[in-house]
Amino acid sequence: MISLRQALLTWYRQSGRTLPWRQTRDPYAIWVSEIMLQQTQVKTVLPYYERWLTLFSTVQALAIAEQQQVLKAWEGLGYYARARNLHRAAQAVVLKHNGVFPSDFATVMQLPGIGRTTAGGILSAAFNQPIAILDGNVKRVLARLLALPVPPKRAITQLWHCSEALIDPTFPRDFNQAIMDLGATVCTPQQPLCANCPWKEHCRAYNQGIQAELPMSETRVPIPHKVIGVAVIWNDQGQILIDRRRQEGLLGGLWEFPGGKVEPGETIEACIQREIREELGIEIAVGDRLIVVDHAYSHFRVTLNVHHCRHVSGKPQAIECDEVRWVALAELDQYPFPKANLQIIEALRKGSAKDEG
């Protein structure tokens, strides 16, 4: 165990990545990075992280911000529940802990959006506490180290025991960062660079020549595909109707162009008309197609069939959403939208520029 720790720490001091959240001991800044890095790659996170700390430099600044401002800063990063939970947790830190991030594991675990790995990541990085982590990179490293004969999901208890046994009690901050780096840069999902690995002598998968076959994966079920009709509804003043999704569920609190799922045997145009009647209580005329957008979420994918529409009658009502609003095309930048909707906005801008030209 000692030789494993020493080998990894020596490798890390020579080959570890230089990342902005490793240059600070501020628990707030480290916490932000941990939340952003959940299911998101470092290269994607970096610009968001820098901008976030410019907008919300302290936990107090985040706590008093409007949710729409928070979601706008997160726009495009995905998994928006992370942003909502981060905002709620900042308010809890200010209200219950006088704005000081707690250093007790059980207390940290009570904050919205923080699980066991995230708590361990924050407390080890900010306070050098010997608390283990088990993110995706660490699971892969340990699954190969042990030559785990089942998918990691079926051996979580065993993997936690291994992570806890391995962590260096003297240098837990560096150890946790090191094992994550090992997974991210050497023990990669495809074609691991075993020649560069400080643990290759101890790695059962490597010594058995089965590292490319591990970790074992779960049997994958087909990803559902939803066909959606989407309306860009214009009024006589040249404004567009947008609505804000309810807080609970996917993309909660974000704005979108209204629409819904196409029923079997239904045309896109009929779907759009029906959905707008059901969700907003208005009548529209469906016009030309603007764009078709394909987008994948974690458990399903969608095809958005987007049409220009004209408001015919009725006052828009927030029947299936939290709020509706007429806005000018130039004002859309002020609102946080899901990533797929940003392609719609771009298509609208291009169309507007062409019209002006």
Protein backbone atom coordinates (compact mmCIF):
# COMPACT_ATOMS: atom_id res chain seq x y z
CA MET A 1 0.00 0.00 0.00
CA ILE A 2 2.81 2.41 0.93
CA SER A 3 4.64 1.72 -2.34
CA LEU A 4 1.45 2.39 -4.32
CA ARG A 5 0.98 5.74 -2.59
CA GLN A 6 4.58 6.79 -3.02
CA ALA A 7 4.68 5.80 -6.69
CA LEU A 8 1.49 7.73 -7.47
CA LEU A 9 2.55 10.87 -5.59
CA THR A 10 5.96 10.87 -7.25
CA TRP A 11 4.29 10.54 -10.67
CA TYR A 12 1.82 13.33 -9.82
CA ARG A 13 4.54 15.78 -8.80
CA GLN A 14 6.21 15.21 -12.16
CA SER A 15 3.21 14.77 -14.46
CA GLY A 16 0.12 16.19 -12.73
CA ARG A 17 -1.96 18.79 -14.54
CA THR A 18 -1.81 22.47 -13.58
CA LEU A 19 -5.44 23.49 -13.02
CA PRO A 20 -6.79 26.75 -11.54
CA TRP A 21 -8.69 25.11 -8.67
CA ARG A 22 -5.44 23.48 -7.55
CA GLN A 23 -3.88 26.88 -7.00
CA THR A 24 -6.30 27.78 -4.19
CA ARG A 25 -7.36 26.48 -0.78
CA ASP A 26 -10.63 28.46 -0.85
CA PRO A 27 -13.34 25.85 -0.23
CA TYR A 28 -15.88 27.87 -2.25
CA ALA A 29 -13.70 27.97 -5.39
CA ILE A 30 -12.87 24.26 -4.99
CA TRP A 31 -16.55 23.42 -4.43
CA VAL A 32 -17.52 25.22 -7.65
CA SER A 33 -14.93 23.22 -9.59
CA GLU A 34 -16.10 19.92 -8.08
CA ILE A 35 -19.71 20.59 -9.08
CA MET A 36 -18.79 21.72 -12.61
CA LEU A 37 -16.56 18.66 -13.11
CA GLN A 38 -19.40 16.23 -12.39
CA GLN A 39 -19.94 14.41 -15.71
CA THR A 40 -18.10 17.18 -17.59
CA GLN A 41 -14.57 17.27 -19.00
CA VAL A 42 -11.91 19.66 -17.70
CA LYS A 43 -11.46 21.43 -21.06
CA THR A 44 -15.19 22.22 -21.15
CA VAL A 45 -15.24 23.42 -17.53
CA LEU A 46 -12.24 25.78 -17.63
CA PRO A 47 -13.85 28.85 -19.30
CA TYR A 48 -17.05 28.43 -17.27
CA TYR A 49 -15.07 28.19 -14.03
CA GLU A 50 -13.10 31.38 -14.70
CA ARG A 51 -16.23 33.31 -15.70
CA TRP A 52 -18.22 31.99 -12.74
CA LEU A 53 -15.67 33.22 -10.20
CA THR A 54 -15.65 36.60 -11.90
CA LEU A 55 -19.44 36.86 -11.66
CA PHE A 56 -19.81 35.20 -8.23
CA SER A 57 -16.47 35.67 -6.50
CA THR A 58 -17.69 34.56 -3.06
CA VAL A 59 -20.36 32.28 -1.64
CA GLN A 60 -22.18 35.42 -0.47
CA ALA A 61 -22.23 36.82 -4.02
CA LEU A 62 -23.72 33.57 -5.30
CA ALA A 63 -26.28 33.37 -2.51
CA ILE A 64 -27.79 36.79 -3.26
CA ALA A 65 -27.81 36.33 -7.06
CA GLU A 66 -31.08 35.78 -8.93
CA GLN A 67 -31.60 32.21 -10.13
CA GLN A 68 -31.92 33.41 -13.73
CA GLN A 69 -28.49 35.04 -13.48
CA VAL A 70 -27.06 31.79 -12.10
CA LEU A 71 -28.61 29.68 -14.88
CA LYS A 72 -27.42 32.14 -17.52
CA ALA A 73 -23.84 31.76 -16.23
CA TRP A 74 -24.26 27.97 -16.47
CA GLU A 75 -25.85 28.08 -19.94
CA GLY A 76 -24.41 25.39 -22.22
CA LEU A 77 -22.70 23.40 -19.44
CA GLY A 78 -25.62 20.97 -19.08
CA TYR A 79 -27.06 19.07 -16.12
CA TYR A 80 -28.65 22.28 -14.86
CA ALA A 81 -29.77 20.77 -11.54
CA ARG A 82 -26.11 21.25 -10.55
CA ALA A 83 -26.45 25.02 -10.91
CA ARG A 84 -29.76 25.16 -9.05
CA ASN A 85 -28.36 23.02 -6.22
CA LEU A 86 -25.15 25.07 -6.06
CA HIS A 87 -27.25 28.22 -5.71
CA ARG A 88 -29.45 26.69 -2.99
CA ALA A 89 -26.40 25.33 -1.15
CA ALA A 90 -24.72 28.76 -1.22
CA GLN A 91 -27.82 30.24 0.40
CA ALA A 92 -27.71 27.50 3.05
CA VAL A 93 -24.02 28.18 3.77
CA VAL A 94 -24.78 31.87 4.26
CA LEU A 95 -27.91 31.33 6.37
CA LYS A 96 -26.83 28.34 8.48
CA HIS A 97 -23.04 28.64 8.58
CA ASN A 98 -22.45 32.42 8.52
CA GLY A 99 -21.02 32.21 5.02
CA VAL A 100 -18.22 29.83 6.07
CA PHE A 101 -18.07 26.54 4.17
CA PRO A 102 -18.27 23.73 6.77
CA SER A 103 -15.28 21.44 7.26
CA ASP A 104 -17.28 18.57 8.76
CA PHE A 105 -18.11 15.71 6.36
CA ALA A 106 -21.62 15.02 7.68
CA THR A 107 -22.53 18.72 7.52
CA VAL A 108 -21.19 19.08 3.98
CA MET A 109 -23.21 16.03 2.90
CA GLN A 110 -26.40 17.82 3.94
CA LEU A 111 -25.88 20.60 1.39
CA PRO A 112 -27.93 20.31 -1.83
CA GLY A 113 -26.12 18.65 -4.72
CA ILE A 114 -23.21 17.27 -2.69
CA GLY A 115 -22.69 13.52 -2.49
CA ARG A 116 -19.95 11.38 -1.01
CA THR A 117 -17.37 11.87 -3.75
CA THR A 118 -17.96 15.62 -4.06
CA ALA A 119 -17.71 16.06 -0.28
CA GLY A 120 -14.47 14.08 -0.22
CA GLY A 121 -13.08 16.07 -3.13
CA ILE A 122 -13.80 19.40 -1.45
CA LEU A 123 -12.63 18.45 2.03
CA SER A 124 -9.42 16.79 0.85
CA ALA A 125 -8.53 19.64 -1.53
CA ALA A 126 -9.49 22.54 0.76
CA PHE A 127 -8.61 21.12 4.19
CA ASN A 128 -6.26 18.20 3.38
CA GLN A 129 -8.63 15.76 5.10
CA PRO A 130 -8.03 12.06 4.34
CA ILE A 131 -11.44 11.40 2.78
CA ALA A 132 -11.65 9.08 -0.21
CA ILE A 133 -13.35 9.80 -3.54
CA LEU A 134 -14.83 7.56 -6.24
CA ASP A 135 -15.55 9.50 -9.42
CA GLY A 136 -15.57 7.97 -12.90
CA ASN A 137 -11.82 8.23 -13.35
CA VAL A 138 -11.10 6.62 -9.98
CA LYS A 139 -13.57 3.78 -10.62
CA ARG A 140 -11.79 2.97 -13.88
CA VAL A 141 -8.32 3.02 -12.29
CA LEU A 142 -9.39 0.79 -9.41
CA ALA A 143 -11.37 -1.59 -11.63
CA ARG A 144 -8.19 -2.23 -13.64
CA LEU A 145 -5.93 -2.30 -10.58
CA LEU A 146 -8.14 -5.06 -9.08
CA ALA A 147 -9.05 -6.68 -12.43
CA LEU A 148 -12.65 -6.27 -11.29
CA PRO A 149 -14.68 -9.15 -12.78
CA VAL A 150 -18.00 -7.24 -12.79
CA PRO A 151 -19.10 -3.76 -13.93
CA PRO A 152 -18.15 -1.08 -11.35
CA LYS A 153 -21.81 -0.36 -10.56
CA ARG A 154 -22.09 -3.86 -9.11
CA ALA A 155 -19.02 -3.50 -6.90
CA ILE A 156 -19.39 0.02 -5.47
CA THR A 157 -18.87 -1.09 -1.86
CA GLN A 158 -15.67 -2.93 -2.79
CA LEU A 159 -14.39 0.06 -4.77
CA TRP A 160 -15.09 2.44 -1.87
CA HIS A 161 -13.19 0.15 0.50
CA CYS A 162 -10.27 0.12 -1.93
CA SER A 163 -10.27 3.91 -2.34
CA GLU A 164 -10.39 4.41 1.42
CA ALA A 165 -7.56 1.93 2.01
CA LEU A 166 -5.35 3.54 -0.63
CA ILE A 167 -5.64 7.23 0.26
CA ASP A 168 -2.44 8.67 1.65
CA PRO A 169 -3.08 9.83 5.25
CA THR A 170 -0.33 12.47 5.09
CA PHE A 171 -0.96 13.88 1.61
CA PRO A 172 -4.65 13.19 0.92
CA ARG A 173 -5.06 16.42 -1.09
CA ASP A 174 -2.38 15.45 -3.57
CA PHE A 175 -3.35 11.78 -3.56
CA ASN A 176 -6.96 12.39 -4.60
CA GLN A 177 -5.92 14.84 -7.30
CA ALA A 178 -3.27 12.36 -8.47
CA ILE A 179 -5.58 9.38 -8.84
CA MET A 180 -8.06 11.51 -10.80
CA ASP A 181 -5.24 12.69 -13.07
CA LEU A 182 -4.07 9.12 -13.53
CA GLY A 183 -7.51 8.16 -14.82
CA ALA A 184 -7.87 11.27 -16.97
CA THR A 185 -4.46 11.19 -18.67
CA VAL A 186 -3.02 7.66 -18.45
CA CYS A 187 -5.63 5.07 -17.43
CA THR A 188 -8.02 6.36 -20.10
CA PRO A 189 -11.22 4.59 -21.24
CA GLN A 190 -9.75 3.65 -24.61
CA GLN A 191 -6.12 2.66 -25.28
CA PRO A 192 -4.70 3.30 -21.78
CA LEU A 193 -1.06 4.43 -21.74
CA CYS A 194 0.12 1.65 -19.45
CA ALA A 195 3.80 2.26 -20.19
CA ASN A 196 3.48 5.62 -18.40
CA CYS A 197 1.57 4.28 -15.39
CA PRO A 198 3.22 4.35 -11.95
CA TRP A 199 1.01 1.42 -10.90
CA LYS A 200 1.59 -0.96 -13.80
CA GLU A 201 3.64 -3.39 -11.69
CA HIS A 202 0.74 -3.68 -9.24
CA CYS A 203 -2.09 -3.58 -11.81
CA ARG A 204 -3.76 -6.98 -12.17
CA ALA A 205 -5.46 -6.05 -15.44
CA TYR A 206 -2.15 -4.95 -16.99
CA ASN A 207 -0.31 -8.04 -15.78
CA GLN A 208 -3.08 -10.26 -17.17
CA GLY A 209 -3.15 -8.31 -20.44
CA ILE A 210 -6.86 -7.47 -20.10
CA GLN A 211 -6.66 -3.71 -19.42
CA ALA A 212 -8.42 -2.88 -22.71
CA GLU A 213 -11.39 -5.07 -21.68
CA LEU A 214 -11.90 -3.38 -18.32
CA PRO A 215 -13.85 -1.92 -16.68
CA MET A 216 -16.64 -4.26 -17.75
CA SER A 217 -19.67 -2.36 -18.99
CA GLU A 218 -23.33 -2.85 -18.19
CA THR A 219 -25.57 -4.21 -20.93
CA ARG A 220 -26.79 -1.10 -22.71
CA VAL A 221 -30.43 -0.61 -23.56
CA PRO A 222 -31.35 1.36 -26.69
CA ILE A 223 -31.52 5.11 -26.05
CA PRO A 224 -35.07 6.43 -26.58
CA HIS A 225 -35.55 8.99 -29.36
CA LYS A 226 -38.22 11.67 -29.09
CA VAL A 227 -39.47 13.72 -32.03
CA ILE A 228 -40.51 17.20 -30.86
CA GLY A 229 -42.45 19.95 -32.59
CA VAL A 230 -41.23 23.43 -31.59
CA ALA A 231 -42.87 26.79 -32.28
CA VAL A 232 -41.18 30.16 -32.77
CA ILE A 233 -44.34 32.23 -32.32
CA TRP A 234 -44.34 35.79 -33.64
CA ASN A 235 -46.86 38.52 -32.79
CA ASP A 236 -47.78 41.62 -34.78
CA GLN A 237 -45.08 43.65 -32.99
CA GLY A 238 -42.32 41.29 -34.18
CA GLN A 239 -41.86 39.74 -30.75
CA ILE A 240 -41.28 36.04 -30.00
CA LEU A 241 -43.06 34.02 -27.29
CA ILE A 242 -40.87 32.09 -24.86
CA ASP A 243 -41.74 30.19 -21.69
CA ARG A 244 -39.86 29.26 -18.53
CA ARG A 245 -39.83 25.60 -17.55
CA ARG A 246 -41.02 24.52 -14.14
CA GLN A 247 -38.34 24.19 -11.45
CA GLU A 248 -38.61 20.45 -11.00
CA GLY A 249 -37.30 18.07 -13.63
CA LEU A 250 -35.02 18.34 -16.64
CA LEU A 251 -33.82 21.86 -17.51
CA GLY A 252 -35.85 23.36 -14.66
CA GLY A 253 -35.95 27.17 -14.57
CA LEU A 254 -34.63 27.59 -18.12
CA TRP A 255 -36.45 29.38 -20.91
CA GLU A 256 -37.39 27.67 -24.16
CA PHE A 257 -39.40 27.92 -27.32
CA PRO A 258 -42.67 26.08 -26.60
CA GLY A 259 -43.64 22.74 -28.12
CA GLY A 260 -43.90 19.08 -27.33
CA LYS A 261 -43.71 15.45 -28.38
CA VAL A 262 -45.18 14.33 -31.69
CA GLU A 263 -47.85 11.67 -31.15
CA PRO A 264 -48.00 8.54 -33.39
CA GLY A 265 -49.58 9.38 -36.75
CA GLU A 266 -49.45 13.13 -36.07
CA THR A 267 -47.80 15.64 -38.41
CA ILE A 268 -45.26 18.11 -37.04
CA GLU A 269 -47.59 21.00 -37.84
CA ALA A 270 -50.56 19.37 -36.07
CA CYS A 271 -48.37 18.56 -33.06
CA ILE A 272 -47.19 22.17 -32.73
CA GLN A 273 -50.73 23.53 -32.96
CA ARG A 274 -52.03 21.05 -30.36
CA GLU A 275 -49.16 21.54 -27.93
CA ILE A 276 -49.44 25.33 -28.03
CA ARG A 277 -53.17 25.13 -27.43
CA GLU A 278 -52.66 22.74 -24.46
CA GLU A 279 -49.65 24.47 -22.91
CA LEU A 280 -50.35 28.15 -23.58
CA GLY A 281 -54.07 28.34 -24.40
CA ILE A 282 -53.64 30.21 -27.68
CA GLU A 283 -54.28 29.59 -31.37
CA ILE A 284 -51.45 29.86 -33.88
CA ALA A 285 -50.86 29.42 -37.59
CA VAL A 286 -47.89 27.13 -38.31
CA GLY A 287 -45.61 28.39 -41.07
CA ASP A 288 -42.29 27.47 -42.65
CA ARG A 289 -39.71 25.22 -41.03
CA LEU A 290 -36.82 27.17 -39.52
CA ILE A 291 -34.39 24.41 -38.50
CA VAL A 292 -34.12 20.79 -37.38
CA VAL A 293 -31.93 20.23 -34.30
CA ASP A 294 -30.66 16.85 -33.10
CA HIS A 295 -29.51 16.79 -29.49
CA ALA A 296 -28.50 14.02 -27.07
CA TYR A 297 -29.11 14.01 -23.33
CA SER A 298 -27.72 11.39 -20.95
CA HIS A 299 -30.65 8.95 -21.26
CA PHE A 300 -32.41 9.95 -24.48
CA ARG A 301 -32.04 12.00 -27.63
CA VAL A 302 -34.37 14.44 -29.32
CA THR A 303 -35.01 15.83 -32.76
CA LEU A 304 -36.49 19.33 -32.61
CA ASN A 305 -38.53 20.27 -35.68
CA VAL A 306 -38.75 24.05 -35.40
CA HIS A 307 -41.31 26.11 -37.33
CA HIS A 308 -42.06 29.79 -37.60
CA CYS A 309 -45.59 30.39 -36.29
CA ARG A 310 -47.96 33.35 -36.17
CA HIS A 311 -50.07 34.23 -33.13
CA VAL A 312 -53.74 34.21 -34.18
CA SER A 313 -55.82 34.60 -31.01
CA GLY A 314 -55.89 34.26 -27.24
CA LYS A 315 -53.70 35.56 -24.43
CA PRO A 316 -50.75 33.27 -23.61
CA GLN A 317 -51.17 31.52 -20.24
CA ALA A 318 -48.58 29.66 -18.16
CA ILE A 319 -50.59 26.41 -18.09
CA GLU A 320 -47.70 23.92 -18.26
CA CYS A 321 -44.84 26.26 -17.34
CA ASP A 322 -43.86 28.88 -14.73
CA GLU A 323 -43.95 31.99 -16.90
CA VAL A 324 -44.49 33.21 -20.47
CA ARG A 325 -43.07 36.31 -22.06
CA TRP A 326 -43.04 38.16 -25.39
CA VAL A 327 -39.49 39.30 -26.20
CA ALA A 328 -37.63 40.87 -29.10
CA LEU A 329 -35.09 38.76 -30.98
CA ALA A 330 -32.29 41.01 -29.67
CA GLU A 331 -33.41 40.37 -26.06
CA LEU A 332 -33.06 36.56 -26.19
CA ASP A 333 -29.43 36.82 -25.01
CA GLN A 334 -30.69 37.98 -21.61
CA TYR A 335 -32.38 34.64 -20.87
CA PRO A 336 -30.83 31.26 -20.00
CA PHE A 337 -31.78 28.64 -22.63
CA PRO A 338 -30.94 24.93 -23.00
CA LYS A 339 -28.11 24.17 -25.40
CA ALA A 340 -30.37 22.84 -28.16
CA ASN A 341 -32.39 26.08 -28.11
CA LEU A 342 -29.23 28.12 -28.67
CA GLN A 343 -29.08 26.64 -32.18
CA ILE A 344 -32.61 27.92 -32.78
CA ILE A 345 -31.60 31.41 -31.66
CA GLU A 346 -28.59 31.30 -33.97
CA ALA A 347 -30.82 30.29 -36.89
CA LEU A 348 -33.18 33.18 -36.07
CA ARG A 349 -30.27 35.62 -36.03
CA LYS A 350 -29.00 34.37 -39.38
CA GLY A 351 -32.47 34.70 -40.86
CA SER A 352 -32.80 38.22 -39.49
CA ALA A 353 -29.41 39.24 -40.88
CA LYS A 354 -30.34 37.82 -44.28
CA ASP A 355 -33.64 39.73 -44.24
CA GLU A 356 -31.87 42.97 -43.37
CA GLY A 357 -29.31 42.34 -46.09
